[in-house]
Amino acid sequence: MPKLSALSEIQRKSMLMWPCIEHDDTPWTPMAKSLSESKVGLVTTAGLHLRGDQPFRSSHDGGDTTYRTIPRSTSSADIIQTHTSLGFDHTGIYRDINVTLPIDRLPELVEQGKIGSLSDNYYSFMGALRDVSGIVEDSGPEVARKLKDEGVDVVLLTPT
């Protein structure tokens, strides 16, 4: 794990001042049934979307807190990334989208009986945000409602 001392002064100060939201009231919900009987949804912060969708925008006001819907039936070849952060290596995702969005792997787990079923839609946000209030207050609850309405029992969260 890199130490703060390895960062430039600007990066170090940025990390030390980075806002961290703490939730004392976040409930823990134990699984009500086994994974092999559960409907699984997928949410990523990798800034992925369909080729024809509006790209995630670069913003100096804290970041793009909108989301994109990726239907489960989408071919992995039709998904692109417009995550605006330069802070990570995109190469793995460009080579195989399943590194961060296991759109081809999850159906295999259903076939093997390890997962009961999959949601019809997956959701993508852009990570590396300076201000997550838009997700906490608006887009996050909206996606949660959509997943709940679809009867999703478990959500796999994947990072960039």
Protein backbone atom coordinates (compact mmCIF):
# COMPACT_ATOMS: atom_id res chain seq x y z
CA MET A 1 0.00 0.00 0.00
CA PRO A 2 1.49 3.36 -1.02
CA LYS A 3 2.26 5.81 1.72
CA LEU A 4 1.22 9.45 1.64
CA SER A 5 4.90 10.39 1.73
CA ALA A 6 5.27 8.86 -1.75
CA LEU A 7 2.82 11.41 -3.18
CA SER A 8 3.56 14.91 -4.34
CA GLU A 9 2.73 17.69 -1.90
CA ILE A 10 -0.39 18.64 -3.89
CA GLN A 11 -1.62 15.02 -4.03
CA ARG A 12 -0.88 14.48 -0.33
CA LYS A 13 -2.79 17.62 0.70
CA SER A 14 -5.66 16.64 -1.57
CA MET A 15 -5.92 13.19 0.03
CA LEU A 16 -5.72 14.60 3.56
CA MET A 17 -8.54 17.07 2.79
CA TRP A 18 -10.71 14.58 0.83
CA PRO A 19 -14.24 14.59 2.26
CA CYS A 20 -15.33 11.26 3.70
CA ILE A 21 -19.00 10.74 4.42
CA GLU A 22 -19.72 8.73 7.55
CA HIS A 23 -23.04 7.00 8.08
CA ASP A 24 -23.85 6.00 11.65
CA ASP A 25 -27.37 4.94 10.66
CA THR A 26 -26.61 2.61 7.75
CA PRO A 27 -28.40 -0.66 8.50
CA TRP A 28 -26.80 -4.05 8.00
CA THR A 29 -29.17 -6.37 6.21
CA PRO A 30 -28.35 -10.08 6.40
CA MET A 31 -29.17 -12.14 3.34
CA ALA A 32 -32.67 -13.61 3.51
CA LYS A 33 -31.86 -16.49 1.16
CA SER A 34 -28.88 -18.17 -0.40
CA LEU A 35 -27.09 -16.65 -3.37
CA SER A 36 -28.19 -19.63 -5.48
CA GLU A 37 -31.80 -18.52 -4.90
CA SER A 38 -31.20 -14.78 -5.19
CA LYS A 39 -31.66 -12.30 -8.01
CA VAL A 40 -28.40 -10.39 -8.46
CA GLY A 41 -28.04 -6.84 -9.74
CA LEU A 42 -24.86 -5.08 -10.80
CA VAL A 43 -23.78 -1.49 -10.12
CA THR A 44 -20.39 -0.12 -11.16
CA THR A 45 -18.52 3.14 -10.69
CA ALA A 46 -16.42 2.58 -13.81
CA GLY A 47 -18.14 5.22 -15.97
CA LEU A 48 -19.41 2.62 -18.46
CA HIS A 49 -22.34 3.06 -20.83
CA LEU A 50 -23.77 2.00 -24.17
CA ARG A 51 -22.08 3.39 -27.27
CA GLY A 52 -25.09 5.57 -28.11
CA ASP A 53 -25.55 6.97 -24.61
CA GLN A 54 -24.54 10.40 -23.39
CA PRO A 55 -20.92 10.14 -22.14
CA PHE A 56 -20.16 10.93 -18.52
CA ARG A 57 -18.99 14.52 -18.38
CA SER A 58 -15.88 15.93 -16.86
CA SER A 59 -16.80 18.54 -14.33
CA HIS A 60 -15.08 20.91 -11.97
CA ASP A 61 -18.15 21.15 -9.71
CA GLY A 62 -17.57 17.82 -7.95
CA GLY A 63 -18.28 15.39 -10.76
CA ASP A 64 -21.05 13.81 -12.79
CA THR A 65 -23.48 12.10 -10.40
CA THR A 66 -25.82 10.79 -13.08
CA TYR A 67 -26.05 7.11 -13.99
CA ARG A 68 -26.46 5.04 -17.13
CA THR A 69 -28.60 1.93 -17.56
CA ILE A 70 -26.99 -1.07 -19.24
CA PRO A 71 -29.49 -3.75 -20.19
CA ARG A 72 -28.28 -7.24 -19.25
CA SER A 73 -28.80 -8.34 -22.87
CA THR A 74 -26.17 -5.84 -24.08
CA SER A 75 -23.13 -7.29 -25.80
CA SER A 76 -19.88 -6.42 -24.04
CA ALA A 77 -18.66 -5.03 -27.38
CA ASP A 78 -21.38 -2.35 -27.19
CA ILE A 79 -20.21 -0.94 -23.85
CA ILE A 80 -17.64 1.83 -23.64
CA GLN A 81 -16.00 3.80 -20.85
CA THR A 82 -15.94 7.57 -20.52
CA HIS A 83 -14.71 7.74 -16.94
CA THR A 84 -12.87 11.05 -16.78
CA SER A 85 -10.34 10.22 -14.06
CA LEU A 86 -6.73 9.98 -15.15
CA GLY A 87 -5.84 8.35 -11.83
CA PHE A 88 -5.99 4.74 -12.97
CA ASP A 89 -4.88 2.54 -15.84
CA HIS A 90 -7.79 1.91 -18.25
CA THR A 91 -5.92 -0.80 -20.19
CA GLY A 92 -7.50 -3.79 -18.44
CA ILE A 93 -11.02 -2.51 -19.00
CA TYR A 94 -10.26 -1.74 -22.66
CA ARG A 95 -9.03 -5.30 -23.13
CA ASP A 96 -11.90 -6.98 -21.30
CA ILE A 97 -14.91 -5.11 -19.92
CA ASN A 98 -15.53 -8.07 -17.59
CA VAL A 99 -12.64 -6.87 -15.43
CA THR A 100 -15.03 -4.36 -13.90
CA LEU A 101 -18.45 -5.23 -15.37
CA PRO A 102 -18.77 -9.04 -15.40
CA ILE A 103 -21.55 -8.95 -17.98
CA ASP A 104 -20.34 -12.19 -19.59
CA ARG A 105 -19.31 -13.94 -16.36
CA LEU A 106 -22.52 -13.51 -14.34
CA PRO A 107 -24.68 -15.58 -16.74
CA GLU A 108 -22.10 -18.37 -16.40
CA LEU A 109 -22.65 -18.31 -12.62
CA VAL A 110 -26.40 -18.58 -13.18
CA GLU A 111 -25.82 -21.57 -15.49
CA GLN A 112 -23.67 -23.20 -12.80
CA GLY A 113 -26.43 -22.66 -10.21
CA LYS A 114 -24.30 -20.39 -8.03
CA ILE A 115 -26.63 -17.40 -8.64
CA GLY A 116 -30.39 -17.73 -8.88
CA SER A 117 -31.05 -15.11 -11.57
CA LEU A 118 -29.93 -11.72 -12.83
CA SER A 119 -31.63 -8.34 -13.01
CA ASP A 120 -32.70 -7.12 -16.43
CA ASN A 121 -30.66 -3.94 -16.09
CA TYR A 122 -27.28 -3.01 -14.67
CA TYR A 123 -26.32 0.52 -13.62
CA SER A 124 -23.17 2.55 -14.03
CA PHE A 125 -21.96 5.68 -12.26
CA MET A 126 -18.72 7.56 -12.64
CA GLY A 127 -16.47 7.17 -9.62
CA ALA A 128 -13.70 9.49 -8.41
CA LEU A 129 -16.19 12.19 -7.47
CA ARG A 130 -15.32 15.10 -5.24
CA ASP A 131 -18.94 15.62 -4.22
CA VAL A 132 -21.15 12.54 -3.87
CA SER A 133 -24.20 14.38 -2.53
CA GLY A 134 -25.99 14.04 -5.89
CA ILE A 135 -25.66 10.26 -5.69
CA VAL A 136 -26.59 10.10 -2.00
CA GLU A 137 -29.64 12.35 -2.43
CA ASP A 138 -30.88 11.69 -5.98
CA SER A 139 -29.43 9.17 -8.41
CA GLY A 140 -28.46 6.54 -5.81
CA PRO A 141 -31.95 6.25 -4.29
CA GLU A 142 -33.43 6.25 -7.81
CA VAL A 143 -31.29 3.28 -8.84
CA ALA A 144 -32.04 1.55 -5.53
CA ARG A 145 -35.78 1.89 -6.23
CA LYS A 146 -35.33 0.44 -9.71
CA LEU A 147 -33.41 -2.53 -8.34
CA LYS A 148 -35.98 -3.07 -5.60
CA ASP A 149 -38.88 -2.81 -8.09
CA GLU A 150 -37.20 -5.53 -10.15
CA GLY A 151 -36.98 -7.80 -7.11
CA VAL A 152 -33.20 -7.74 -6.77
CA ASP A 153 -31.98 -9.45 -3.59
CA VAL A 154 -28.23 -8.79 -3.84
CA VAL A 155 -26.24 -6.09 -5.64
CA LEU A 156 -22.67 -6.63 -6.77
CA LEU A 157 -20.81 -3.31 -6.59
CA THR A 158 -17.75 -3.08 -8.81
CA PRO A 159 -15.20 -0.27 -8.80
CA THR A 160 -13.32 1.29 -11.66
